Amino acid sequence: MKKALFVFALLLLAQQCFCWGFFGHRKINYHAVFLLPPEMIGFYKTHIDFLTEHAVDPDKRRYALPEEGARHYIDIDRYGTYPYSNLPRNYDSAVAKFSADSVNAYGIVPWWVQIMLGRLTNAFKEKNQAKILKLSAEIGHYIADAHVPLHASHNHNGQLTNQQGIHGFWESRVPELLAEKEFDFWIGKAEHIKNPGQFIWARVLESAAAADTVLRYEKELTQITAPDQKYSFENRNGITIRTYSTSFTTAYNTKLNGMVERRIRQSIYAVASFWYTAWVNAGQPDLNKLNNKEFTAEELKEFEELNNNWRKGKIAGREHE
């Protein structure tokens, strides 16, 4: 009995996934580098390990800062029906209409992406290498989150439809199992985004429109799948855990007609394009002549604390998965 409870606890831990999973976020930032123009790609390739590893810092920060969680999602279906024209796209206007408490409780990812873009643009203007790298890694995370359908639904983990765990299933299990063998991450080139706000809101609306499909297809597949076929046991780092089976995961991906792959590809393109847009808007500084190449003692301390503390305790604030 104790062993069964232990395995169940591990399953819950495994399904308390991080937006796109650590695997997905790292993969997105990594491949975004190769969409950059010649003036940028040399610098970004030199630091690709940093950009890849620190793609997950915003998720780790959720264990320390209650306000961090809202930056990763928006329960846009709280604001009526698609295309949610009742919700002003301007943050101040939304707050004036619905109150700061409501807006922040329902999530702010499209607005936070624009704030991060402004910060990255300023870092380029300052020619501050440390800030450019840190902000590039982190904006990539928030942009990718905006592409996840269940980050645009208040039924964010199927908790309202008896589908708990679907969040991690869609964004973590599917790519971790299939990405290396079946997904194509080689895309075109990054482009300058003339209206970043309009761009990111369009991605959020796409996510919102796809959320019902994500939920419905999992339920339909579950209804025709025996419980012992839906789940399987796997060994991870010496620990046996229960997870969605390979056959169920593959069938779900087929039923979704490649949605997960498409959203990852769109995320890669968007991340690269936001990096490029910040650089262009900053006046296209020479990335071979940057200042502040070393991280400050406070920044290094933050990195250390994120790595050491995110496994301890619970997420501060709402767990949106």
C-alpha atoms as a PDB file:
ATOM      1  CA  MET A   1       0.000   0.000   0.000  1.00  0.00           C
ATOM      2  CA  LYS A   2       2.801   2.406   0.917  1.00  0.00           C
ATOM      3  CA  LYS A   3       4.577   1.608  -2.325  1.00  0.00           C
ATOM      4  CA  ALA A   4       1.419   2.322  -4.304  1.00  0.00           C
ATOM      5  CA  LEU A   5       0.968   5.659  -2.577  1.00  0.00           C
ATOM      6  CA  PHE A   6       4.613   6.501  -3.242  1.00  0.00           C
ATOM      7  CA  VAL A   7       4.250   5.740  -6.941  1.00  0.00           C
ATOM      8  CA  PHE A   8       1.045   7.802  -7.075  1.00  0.00           C
ATOM      9  CA  ALA A   9       2.823  10.726  -5.443  1.00  0.00           C
ATOM     10  CA  LEU A  10       5.574  10.503  -8.010  1.00  0.00           C
ATOM     11  CA  LEU A  11       2.989  10.529 -10.773  1.00  0.00           C
ATOM     12  CA  LEU A  12       1.469  13.704  -9.400  1.00  0.00           C
ATOM     13  CA  LEU A  13       4.912  15.253  -9.192  1.00  0.00           C
ATOM     14  CA  ALA A  14       5.669  14.254 -12.760  1.00  0.00           C
ATOM     15  CA  GLN A  15       2.372  15.710 -13.949  1.00  0.00           C
ATOM     16  CA  GLN A  16       2.896  18.988 -12.063  1.00  0.00           C
ATOM     17  CA  CYS A  17       4.624  19.955 -15.243  1.00  0.00           C
ATOM     18  CA  PHE A  18       6.215  23.180 -16.210  1.00  0.00           C
ATOM     19  CA  CYS A  19       4.938  25.073 -19.204  1.00  0.00           C
ATOM     20  CA  TRP A  20       6.162  23.106 -22.249  1.00  0.00           C
ATOM     21  CA  GLY A  21       8.180  21.085 -19.765  1.00  0.00           C
ATOM     22  CA  PHE A  22      11.849  21.802 -19.218  1.00  0.00           C
ATOM     23  CA  PHE A  23      12.580  19.739 -22.333  1.00  0.00           C
ATOM     24  CA  GLY A  24      10.264  21.820 -24.529  1.00  0.00           C
ATOM     25  CA  HIS A  25      11.409  25.233 -23.359  1.00  0.00           C
ATOM     26  CA  ARG A  26      15.046  24.345 -23.818  1.00  0.00           C
ATOM     27  CA  LYS A  27      14.341  22.917 -27.250  1.00  0.00           C
ATOM     28  CA  ILE A  28      12.475  26.069 -28.324  1.00  0.00           C
ATOM     29  CA  ASN A  29      15.195  28.496 -27.247  1.00  0.00           C
ATOM     30  CA  TYR A  30      17.904  26.300 -28.773  1.00  0.00           C
ATOM     31  CA  HIS A  31      16.328  26.100 -32.217  1.00  0.00           C
ATOM     32  CA  ALA A  32      15.308  29.775 -32.217  1.00  0.00           C
ATOM     33  CA  VAL A  33      18.998  30.693 -32.399  1.00  0.00           C
ATOM     34  CA  PHE A  34      19.299  29.227 -35.893  1.00  0.00           C
ATOM     35  CA  LEU A  35      16.583  31.494 -37.316  1.00  0.00           C
ATOM     36  CA  LEU A  36      18.575  34.653 -36.598  1.00  0.00           C
ATOM     37  CA  PRO A  37      20.302  36.807 -39.244  1.00  0.00           C
ATOM     38  CA  PRO A  38      24.112  36.738 -39.697  1.00  0.00           C
ATOM     39  CA  GLU A  39      24.571  39.858 -37.543  1.00  0.00           C
ATOM     40  CA  MET A  40      23.044  38.055 -34.544  1.00  0.00           C
ATOM     41  CA  ILE A  41      23.565  34.338 -34.954  1.00  0.00           C
ATOM     42  CA  GLY A  42      27.267  34.343 -34.107  1.00  0.00           C
ATOM     43  CA  PHE A  43      26.662  35.945 -30.713  1.00  0.00           C
ATOM     44  CA  TYR A  44      23.639  33.802 -29.928  1.00  0.00           C
ATOM     45  CA  LYS A  45      25.347  30.571 -31.019  1.00  0.00           C
ATOM     46  CA  THR A  46      28.318  31.379 -28.785  1.00  0.00           C
ATOM     47  CA  HIS A  47      25.927  31.567 -25.847  1.00  0.00           C
ATOM     48  CA  ILE A  48      23.458  28.883 -26.936  1.00  0.00           C
ATOM     49  CA  ASP A  49      24.129  26.750 -23.858  1.00  0.00           C
ATOM     50  CA  PHE A  50      23.158  29.631 -21.562  1.00  0.00           C
ATOM     51  CA  LEU A  51      20.039  30.452 -23.590  1.00  0.00           C
ATOM     52  CA  THR A  52      19.015  26.803 -23.537  1.00  0.00           C
ATOM     53  CA  GLU A  53      19.660  26.132 -19.855  1.00  0.00           C
ATOM     54  CA  HIS A  54      18.121  29.357 -18.575  1.00  0.00           C
ATOM     55  CA  ALA A  55      14.981  29.000 -20.696  1.00  0.00           C
ATOM     56  CA  VAL A  56      13.412  27.386 -17.628  1.00  0.00           C
ATOM     57  CA  ASP A  57      14.334  30.065 -15.069  1.00  0.00           C
ATOM     58  CA  PRO A  58      10.852  31.645 -15.064  1.00  0.00           C
ATOM     59  CA  ASP A  59       9.323  28.311 -14.042  1.00  0.00           C
ATOM     60  CA  LYS A  60      11.866  27.882 -11.267  1.00  0.00           C
ATOM     61  CA  ARG A  61      11.069  31.407 -10.086  1.00  0.00           C
ATOM     62  CA  ARG A  62       7.462  30.364  -9.488  1.00  0.00           C
ATOM     63  CA  TYR A  63       8.637  28.607  -6.342  1.00  0.00           C
ATOM     64  CA  ALA A  64       9.765  31.901  -4.837  1.00  0.00           C
ATOM     65  CA  LEU A  65       7.502  34.635  -6.210  1.00  0.00           C
ATOM     66  CA  PRO A  66       3.686  34.410  -5.916  1.00  0.00           C
ATOM     67  CA  GLU A  67       3.296  36.969  -8.702  1.00  0.00           C
ATOM     68  CA  GLU A  68       5.371  34.950 -11.168  1.00  0.00           C
ATOM     69  CA  GLY A  69       2.672  32.435 -12.037  1.00  0.00           C
ATOM     70  CA  ALA A  70       0.322  34.947 -13.662  1.00  0.00           C
ATOM     71  CA  ARG A  71       3.026  35.852 -16.176  1.00  0.00           C
ATOM     72  CA  HIS A  72       2.734  32.431 -17.810  1.00  0.00           C
ATOM     73  CA  TYR A  73      -0.945  32.249 -18.777  1.00  0.00           C
ATOM     74  CA  ILE A  74      -4.208  34.075 -19.344  1.00  0.00           C
ATOM     75  CA  ASP A  75      -7.604  32.526 -18.607  1.00  0.00           C
ATOM     76  CA  ILE A  76      -9.050  34.451 -21.489  1.00  0.00           C
ATOM     77  CA  ASP A  77     -12.260  32.418 -21.465  1.00  0.00           C
ATOM     78  CA  ARG A  78     -13.109  34.199 -18.204  1.00  0.00           C
ATOM     79  CA  TYR A  79     -13.849  37.248 -20.341  1.00  0.00           C
ATOM     80  CA  GLY A  80     -16.741  35.919 -22.397  1.00  0.00           C
ATOM     81  CA  THR A  81     -16.623  34.096 -25.706  1.00  0.00           C
ATOM     82  CA  TYR A  82     -14.177  33.993 -28.608  1.00  0.00           C
ATOM     83  CA  PRO A  83     -12.646  36.348 -29.770  1.00  0.00           C
ATOM     84  CA  TYR A  84     -13.090  37.913 -26.319  1.00  0.00           C
ATOM     85  CA  SER A  85     -13.584  41.424 -27.619  1.00  0.00           C
ATOM     86  CA  ASN A  86     -14.903  42.331 -24.172  1.00  0.00           C
ATOM     87  CA  LEU A  87     -11.295  42.277 -22.926  1.00  0.00           C
ATOM     88  CA  PRO A  88      -9.264  45.384 -23.825  1.00  0.00           C
ATOM     89  CA  ARG A  89      -5.878  44.453 -25.289  1.00  0.00           C
ATOM     90  CA  ASN A  90      -4.301  47.362 -23.427  1.00  0.00           C
ATOM     91  CA  TYR A  91      -3.372  46.416 -19.848  1.00  0.00           C
ATOM     92  CA  ASP A  92      -4.377  49.709 -18.221  1.00  0.00           C
ATOM     93  CA  SER A  93      -7.729  49.622 -20.000  1.00  0.00           C
ATOM     94  CA  ALA A  94      -8.292  46.032 -18.905  1.00  0.00           C
ATOM     95  CA  VAL A  95      -7.515  46.951 -15.294  1.00  0.00           C
ATOM     96  CA  ALA A  96      -9.839  49.944 -15.456  1.00  0.00           C
ATOM     97  CA  LYS A  97     -12.619  47.685 -16.699  1.00  0.00           C
ATOM     98  CA  PHE A  98     -12.104  44.544 -14.604  1.00  0.00           C
ATOM     99  CA  SER A  99      -9.826  45.637 -11.696  1.00  0.00           C
ATOM    100  CA  ALA A 100      -6.158  44.845 -11.151  1.00  0.00           C
ATOM    101  CA  ASP A 101      -6.983  41.916  -8.873  1.00  0.00           C
ATOM    102  CA  SER A 102      -9.107  40.183 -11.499  1.00  0.00           C
ATOM    103  CA  VAL A 103      -6.768  40.839 -14.398  1.00  0.00           C
ATOM    104  CA  ASN A 104      -3.753  39.559 -12.502  1.00  0.00           C
ATOM    105  CA  ALA A 105      -5.632  36.565 -11.119  1.00  0.00           C
ATOM    106  CA  TYR A 106      -6.694  35.544 -14.618  1.00  0.00           C
ATOM    107  CA  GLY A 107      -3.150  35.889 -16.009  1.00  0.00           C
ATOM    108  CA  ILE A 108      -1.108  38.461 -17.888  1.00  0.00           C
ATOM    109  CA  VAL A 109       1.120  36.580 -20.345  1.00  0.00           C
ATOM    110  CA  PRO A 110       0.396  38.715 -23.477  1.00  0.00           C
ATOM    111  CA  TRP A 111       1.138  41.900 -21.555  1.00  0.00           C
ATOM    112  CA  TRP A 112       4.185  40.447 -19.832  1.00  0.00           C
ATOM    113  CA  VAL A 113       5.724  39.434 -23.167  1.00  0.00           C
ATOM    114  CA  GLN A 114       5.513  43.077 -24.259  1.00  0.00           C
ATOM    115  CA  ILE A 115       7.132  44.251 -21.014  1.00  0.00           C
ATOM    116  CA  MET A 116       9.954  41.770 -21.537  1.00  0.00           C
ATOM    117  CA  LEU A 117      10.377  42.953 -25.118  1.00  0.00           C
ATOM    118  CA  GLY A 118      10.843  46.506 -23.857  1.00  0.00           C
ATOM    119  CA  ARG A 119      13.433  45.345 -21.346  1.00  0.00           C
ATOM    120  CA  LEU A 120      15.340  43.353 -23.956  1.00  0.00           C
ATOM    121  CA  THR A 121      15.282  46.300 -26.364  1.00  0.00           C
ATOM    122  CA  ASN A 122      16.763  48.528 -23.650  1.00  0.00           C
ATOM    123  CA  ALA A 123      19.441  45.930 -22.918  1.00  0.00           C
ATOM    124  CA  PHE A 124      20.455  46.027 -26.584  1.00  0.00           C
ATOM    125  CA  LYS A 125      20.534  49.832 -26.495  1.00  0.00           C
ATOM    126  CA  GLU A 126      22.766  49.694 -23.412  1.00  0.00           C
ATOM    127  CA  LYS A 127      24.932  47.054 -25.122  1.00  0.00           C
ATOM    128  CA  ASN A 128      24.708  45.122 -21.881  1.00  0.00           C
ATOM    129  CA  GLN A 129      25.649  41.547 -22.733  1.00  0.00           C
ATOM    130  CA  ALA A 130      24.628  39.999 -19.421  1.00  0.00           C
ATOM    131  CA  LYS A 131      21.153  41.564 -19.581  1.00  0.00           C
ATOM    132  CA  ILE A 132      20.725  40.615 -23.244  1.00  0.00           C
ATOM    133  CA  LEU A 133      21.410  36.970 -22.496  1.00  0.00           C
ATOM    134  CA  LYS A 134      19.270  36.790 -19.373  1.00  0.00           C
ATOM    135  CA  LEU A 135      16.296  38.584 -20.937  1.00  0.00           C
ATOM    136  CA  SER A 136      16.582  36.660 -24.217  1.00  0.00           C
ATOM    137  CA  ALA A 137      16.425  33.369 -22.344  1.00  0.00           C
ATOM    138  CA  GLU A 138      13.456  34.461 -20.255  1.00  0.00           C
ATOM    139  CA  ILE A 139      11.338  36.171 -22.912  1.00  0.00           C
ATOM    140  CA  GLY A 140      11.622  32.944 -24.874  1.00  0.00           C
ATOM    141  CA  HIS A 141       9.885  31.154 -22.030  1.00  0.00           C
ATOM    142  CA  TYR A 142       6.914  33.530 -21.844  1.00  0.00           C
ATOM    143  CA  ILE A 143       6.459  33.629 -25.619  1.00  0.00           C
ATOM    144  CA  ALA A 144       6.417  29.839 -25.758  1.00  0.00           C
ATOM    145  CA  ASP A 145       3.868  29.703 -22.936  1.00  0.00           C
ATOM    146  CA  ALA A 146       1.507  31.915 -24.922  1.00  0.00           C
ATOM    147  CA  HIS A 147       1.453  29.182 -27.581  1.00  0.00           C
ATOM    148  CA  VAL A 148       0.123  26.497 -25.199  1.00  0.00           C
ATOM    149  CA  PRO A 149      -3.669  26.025 -25.573  1.00  0.00           C
ATOM    150  CA  LEU A 150      -4.345  25.242 -21.917  1.00  0.00           C
ATOM    151  CA  HIS A 151      -2.511  28.417 -20.909  1.00  0.00           C
ATOM    152  CA  ALA A 152      -5.501  30.221 -22.381  1.00  0.00           C
ATOM    153  CA  SER A 153      -8.200  28.285 -20.529  1.00  0.00           C
ATOM    154  CA  HIS A 154      -9.413  28.360 -16.944  1.00  0.00           C
ATOM    155  CA  ASN A 155      -9.809  24.559 -17.248  1.00  0.00           C
ATOM    156  CA  HIS A 156      -6.033  24.606 -17.356  1.00  0.00           C
ATOM    157  CA  ASN A 157      -5.408  21.049 -16.182  1.00  0.00           C
ATOM    158  CA  GLY A 158      -8.708  19.426 -17.027  1.00  0.00           C
ATOM    159  CA  GLN A 159      -9.693  19.833 -13.387  1.00  0.00           C
ATOM    160  CA  LEU A 160     -13.243  20.813 -14.382  1.00  0.00           C
ATOM    161  CA  THR A 161     -13.750  17.834 -16.716  1.00  0.00           C
ATOM    162  CA  ASN A 162     -12.105  15.004 -14.765  1.00  0.00           C
ATOM    163  CA  GLN A 163      -9.004  15.142 -16.987  1.00  0.00           C
ATOM    164  CA  GLN A 164      -6.380  16.015 -14.399  1.00  0.00           C
ATOM    165  CA  GLY A 165      -2.905  15.694 -15.818  1.00  0.00           C
ATOM    166  CA  ILE A 166      -3.786  16.653 -19.382  1.00  0.00           C
ATOM    167  CA  HIS A 167      -1.727  19.844 -19.148  1.00  0.00           C
ATOM    168  CA  GLY A 168       1.519  17.956 -18.666  1.00  0.00           C
ATOM    169  CA  PHE A 169       0.386  15.281 -21.112  1.00  0.00           C
ATOM    170  CA  TRP A 170      -0.028  17.732 -24.002  1.00  0.00           C
ATOM    171  CA  GLU A 171       2.964  19.971 -23.407  1.00  0.00           C
ATOM    172  CA  SER A 172       5.485  17.596 -21.830  1.00  0.00           C
ATOM    173  CA  ARG A 173       4.782  13.922 -22.493  1.00  0.00           C
ATOM    174  CA  VAL A 174       3.991  14.328 -26.198  1.00  0.00           C
ATOM    175  CA  PRO A 175       7.104  16.356 -27.123  1.00  0.00           C
ATOM    176  CA  GLU A 176       9.431  14.394 -24.837  1.00  0.00           C
ATOM    177  CA  LEU A 177       8.333  11.135 -26.431  1.00  0.00           C
ATOM    178  CA  LEU A 178       7.986  12.205 -30.065  1.00  0.00           C
ATOM    179  CA  ALA A 179      10.035  15.340 -30.719  1.00  0.00           C
ATOM    180  CA  GLU A 180      13.396  13.734 -31.438  1.00  0.00           C
ATOM    181  CA  LYS A 181      11.967  11.118 -33.793  1.00  0.00           C
ATOM    182  CA  GLU A 182       9.062  12.820 -35.514  1.00  0.00           C
ATOM    183  CA  PHE A 183       9.122  16.617 -35.161  1.00  0.00           C
ATOM    184  CA  ASP A 184      10.782  18.968 -37.645  1.00  0.00           C
ATOM    185  CA  PHE A 185      12.296  22.031 -35.969  1.00  0.00           C
ATOM    186  CA  TRP A 186      14.022  23.550 -38.974  1.00  0.00           C
ATOM    187  CA  ILE A 187      12.004  26.576 -39.967  1.00  0.00           C
ATOM    188  CA  GLY A 188      12.518  29.757 -41.990  1.00  0.00           C
ATOM    189  CA  LYS A 189      14.083  32.981 -40.795  1.00  0.00           C
ATOM    190  CA  ALA A 190      13.188  35.372 -38.013  1.00  0.00           C
ATOM    191  CA  GLU A 191      11.284  38.470 -39.095  1.00  0.00           C
ATOM    192  CA  HIS A 192      10.843  41.925 -37.636  1.00  0.00           C
ATOM    193  CA  ILE A 193       7.466  42.198 -35.909  1.00  0.00           C
ATOM    194  CA  LYS A 194       5.911  45.585 -36.621  1.00  0.00           C
ATOM    195  CA  ASN A 195       3.192  45.251 -33.982  1.00  0.00           C
ATOM    196  CA  PRO A 196       4.381  42.920 -31.186  1.00  0.00           C
ATOM    197  CA  GLY A 197       1.218  43.425 -29.138  1.00  0.00           C
ATOM    198  CA  GLN A 198      -1.036  42.418 -31.993  1.00  0.00           C
ATOM    199  CA  PHE A 199       1.258  39.480 -32.770  1.00  0.00           C
ATOM    200  CA  ILE A 200       1.236  37.974 -29.275  1.00  0.00           C
ATOM    201  CA  TRP A 201      -2.500  38.492 -28.829  1.00  0.00           C
ATOM    202  CA  ALA A 202      -3.071  36.590 -32.077  1.00  0.00           C
ATOM    203  CA  ARG A 203      -1.038  33.683 -30.672  1.00  0.00           C
ATOM    204  CA  VAL A 204      -3.071  33.738 -27.458  1.00  0.00           C
ATOM    205  CA  LEU A 205      -6.335  33.644 -29.423  1.00  0.00           C
ATOM    206  CA  GLU A 206      -5.026  30.675 -31.411  1.00  0.00           C
ATOM    207  CA  SER A 207      -4.246  28.927 -28.147  1.00  0.00           C
ATOM    208  CA  ALA A 208      -7.702  29.696 -26.781  1.00  0.00           C
ATOM    209  CA  ALA A 209      -9.360  28.361 -29.932  1.00  0.00           C
ATOM    210  CA  ALA A 210      -7.383  25.108 -29.646  1.00  0.00           C
ATOM    211  CA  ALA A 211      -8.050  24.465 -25.951  1.00  0.00           C
ATOM    212  CA  ASP A 212     -11.394  22.710 -26.496  1.00  0.00           C
ATOM    213  CA  THR A 213      -9.791  20.393 -29.045  1.00  0.00           C
ATOM    214  CA  VAL A 214      -6.995  19.493 -26.632  1.00  0.00           C
ATOM    215  CA  LEU A 215      -9.545  18.503 -23.998  1.00  0.00           C
ATOM    216  CA  ARG A 216     -12.122  16.878 -26.261  1.00  0.00           C
ATOM    217  CA  TYR A 217      -9.724  14.588 -28.121  1.00  0.00           C
ATOM    218  CA  GLU A 218      -8.136  13.300 -24.919  1.00  0.00           C
ATOM    219  CA  LYS A 219     -11.584  12.478 -23.527  1.00  0.00           C
ATOM    220  CA  GLU A 220     -12.661  10.749 -26.744  1.00  0.00           C
ATOM    221  CA  LEU A 221      -9.495   8.668 -26.798  1.00  0.00           C
ATOM    222  CA  THR A 222      -9.840   7.772 -23.124  1.00  0.00           C
ATOM    223  CA  GLN A 223     -13.371   6.477 -23.718  1.00  0.00           C
ATOM    224  CA  ILE A 224     -12.113   3.853 -26.187  1.00  0.00           C
ATOM    225  CA  THR A 225      -8.905   2.944 -24.344  1.00  0.00           C
ATOM    226  CA  ALA A 226      -8.629   0.440 -21.509  1.00  0.00           C
ATOM    227  CA  PRO A 227      -7.068   1.949 -18.347  1.00  0.00           C
ATOM    228  CA  ASP A 228      -4.144  -0.472 -18.476  1.00  0.00           C
ATOM    229  CA  GLN A 229      -3.468   0.709 -22.043  1.00  0.00           C
ATOM    230  CA  LYS A 230      -3.701   4.422 -21.264  1.00  0.00           C
ATOM    231  CA  TYR A 231      -0.918   4.342 -18.700  1.00  0.00           C
ATOM    232  CA  SER A 232       2.364   2.506 -18.376  1.00  0.00           C
ATOM    233  CA  PHE A 233       5.213   2.343 -15.901  1.00  0.00           C
ATOM    234  CA  GLU A 234       8.648   3.697 -16.772  1.00  0.00           C
ATOM    235  CA  ASN A 235      11.955   3.938 -14.973  1.00  0.00           C
ATOM    236  CA  ARG A 236      13.260   7.476 -14.628  1.00  0.00           C
ATOM    237  CA  ASN A 237      16.485   8.055 -12.770  1.00  0.00           C
ATOM    238  CA  GLY A 238      16.094   4.787 -10.927  1.00  0.00           C
ATOM    239  CA  ILE A 239      12.480   5.454  -9.907  1.00  0.00           C
ATOM    240  CA  THR A 240       9.458   3.688 -11.376  1.00  0.00           C
ATOM    241  CA  ILE A 241       6.636   6.090 -12.234  1.00  0.00           C
ATOM    242  CA  ARG A 242       3.281   5.796 -13.936  1.00  0.00           C
ATOM    243  CA  THR A 243       2.862   7.904 -17.054  1.00  0.00           C
ATOM    244  CA  TYR A 244       0.842   8.012 -20.266  1.00  0.00           C
ATOM    245  CA  SER A 245       1.727   5.018 -22.412  1.00  0.00           C
ATOM    246  CA  THR A 246       3.583   5.314 -25.680  1.00  0.00           C
ATOM    247  CA  SER A 247       0.623   3.959 -27.626  1.00  0.00           C
ATOM    248  CA  PHE A 248      -1.855   6.370 -26.015  1.00  0.00           C
ATOM    249  CA  THR A 249       0.503   9.322 -26.498  1.00  0.00           C
ATOM    250  CA  THR A 250       1.108   8.473 -30.145  1.00  0.00           C
ATOM    251  CA  ALA A 251      -2.608   8.012 -30.788  1.00  0.00           C
ATOM    252  CA  TYR A 252      -3.361  11.361 -29.138  1.00  0.00           C
ATOM    253  CA  ASN A 253      -0.736  13.134 -31.225  1.00  0.00           C
ATOM    254  CA  THR A 254      -2.207  11.594 -34.382  1.00  0.00           C
ATOM    255  CA  LYS A 255      -5.707  12.620 -33.370  1.00  0.00           C
ATOM    256  CA  LEU A 256      -4.462  16.185 -32.827  1.00  0.00           C
ATOM    257  CA  ASN A 257      -3.064  16.116 -36.367  1.00  0.00           C
ATOM    258  CA  GLY A 258       0.362  17.402 -35.294  1.00  0.00           C
ATOM    259  CA  MET A 259      -0.898  20.321 -33.185  1.00  0.00           C
ATOM    260  CA  VAL A 260       1.890  20.007 -30.621  1.00  0.00           C
ATOM    261  CA  GLU A 261       4.581  20.085 -33.288  1.00  0.00           C
ATOM    262  CA  ARG A 262       2.956  23.078 -35.001  1.00  0.00           C
ATOM    263  CA  ARG A 263       2.804  25.066 -31.771  1.00  0.00           C
ATOM    264  CA  ILE A 264       6.426  24.292 -30.969  1.00  0.00           C
ATOM    265  CA  ARG A 265       7.466  25.398 -34.462  1.00  0.00           C
ATOM    266  CA  GLN A 266       5.423  28.579 -34.118  1.00  0.00           C
ATOM    267  CA  SER A 267       7.025  29.171 -30.714  1.00  0.00           C
ATOM    268  CA  ILE A 268      10.519  28.829 -32.175  1.00  0.00           C
ATOM    269  CA  TYR A 269       9.709  31.301 -34.923  1.00  0.00           C
ATOM    270  CA  ALA A 270       8.123  33.756 -32.491  1.00  0.00           C
ATOM    271  CA  VAL A 271      11.027  33.638 -30.029  1.00  0.00           C
ATOM    272  CA  ALA A 272      13.589  34.271 -32.752  1.00  0.00           C
ATOM    273  CA  SER A 273      11.474  37.064 -34.210  1.00  0.00           C
ATOM    274  CA  PHE A 274      11.080  38.810 -30.848  1.00  0.00           C
ATOM    275  CA  TRP A 275      14.860  38.628 -30.299  1.00  0.00           C
ATOM    276  CA  TYR A 276      15.370  40.081 -33.780  1.00  0.00           C
ATOM    277  CA  THR A 277      12.707  42.754 -33.252  1.00  0.00           C
ATOM    278  CA  ALA A 278      14.318  43.926 -30.000  1.00  0.00           C
ATOM    279  CA  TRP A 279      17.703  44.159 -31.722  1.00  0.00           C
ATOM    280  CA  VAL A 280      16.305  46.091 -34.716  1.00  0.00           C
ATOM    281  CA  ASN A 281      14.295  48.443 -32.495  1.00  0.00           C
ATOM    282  CA  ALA A 282      17.449  49.130 -30.485  1.00  0.00           C
ATOM    283  CA  GLY A 283      19.266  50.331 -33.597  1.00  0.00           C
ATOM    284  CA  GLN A 284      20.995  47.071 -34.534  1.00  0.00           C
ATOM    285  CA  PRO A 285      24.010  47.402 -32.224  1.00  0.00           C
ATOM    286  CA  ASP A 286      27.205  45.487 -33.061  1.00  0.00           C
ATOM    287  CA  LEU A 287      26.988  42.365 -30.911  1.00  0.00           C
ATOM    288  CA  ASN A 288      30.748  41.949 -31.113  1.00  0.00           C
ATOM    289  CA  LYS A 289      31.199  45.162 -29.129  1.00  0.00           C
ATOM    290  CA  LEU A 290      29.128  44.684 -26.011  1.00  0.00           C
ATOM    291  CA  ASN A 291      29.742  45.837 -22.449  1.00  0.00           C
ATOM    292  CA  ASN A 292      28.940  44.224 -19.088  1.00  0.00           C
ATOM    293  CA  LYS A 293      29.929  40.764 -20.229  1.00  0.00           C
ATOM    294  CA  GLU A 294      30.052  39.329 -16.723  1.00  0.00           C
ATOM    295  CA  PHE A 295      26.990  38.744 -14.577  1.00  0.00           C
ATOM    296  CA  THR A 296      26.851  40.664 -11.328  1.00  0.00           C
ATOM    297  CA  ALA A 297      27.205  38.920  -7.980  1.00  0.00           C
ATOM    298  CA  GLU A 298      23.449  39.389  -7.419  1.00  0.00           C
ATOM    299  CA  GLU A 299      22.595  37.810 -10.760  1.00  0.00           C
ATOM    300  CA  LEU A 300      24.891  34.863 -10.083  1.00  0.00           C
ATOM    301  CA  LYS A 301      23.286  34.470  -6.673  1.00  0.00           C
ATOM    302  CA  GLU A 302      19.839  34.487  -8.282  1.00  0.00           C
ATOM    303  CA  PHE A 303      20.856  31.742 -10.706  1.00  0.00           C
ATOM    304  CA  GLU A 304      22.197  29.667  -7.837  1.00  0.00           C
ATOM    305  CA  GLU A 305      19.070  30.144  -5.750  1.00  0.00           C
ATOM    306  CA  LEU A 306      16.824  29.234  -8.662  1.00  0.00           C
ATOM    307  CA  ASN A 307      18.743  26.020  -9.264  1.00  0.00           C
ATOM    308  CA  ASN A 308      18.877  25.064  -5.595  1.00  0.00           C
ATOM    309  CA  ASN A 309      15.442  26.039  -4.366  1.00  0.00           C
ATOM    310  CA  TRP A 310      12.906  25.262  -7.084  1.00  0.00           C
ATOM    311  CA  ARG A 311      12.667  21.602  -6.052  1.00  0.00           C
ATOM    312  CA  LYS A 312      11.899  22.540  -2.464  1.00  0.00           C
ATOM    313  CA  GLY A 313       8.380  23.157  -1.260  1.00  0.00           C
ATOM    314  CA  LYS A 314       5.435  24.152  -3.426  1.00  0.00           C
ATOM    315  CA  ILE A 315       4.843  26.681  -6.150  1.00  0.00           C
ATOM    316  CA  ALA A 316       4.080  30.096  -4.683  1.00  0.00           C
ATOM    317  CA  GLY A 317       0.735  31.364  -5.921  1.00  0.00           C
ATOM    318  CA  ARG A 318      -1.520  29.625  -8.412  1.00  0.00           C
ATOM    319  CA  GLU A 319      -0.397  26.377  -9.970  1.00  0.00           C
ATOM    320  CA  HIS A 320      -1.797  26.864 -13.429  1.00  0.00           C
ATOM    321  CA  GLU A 321      -0.977  23.369 -14.647  1.00  0.00           C
END
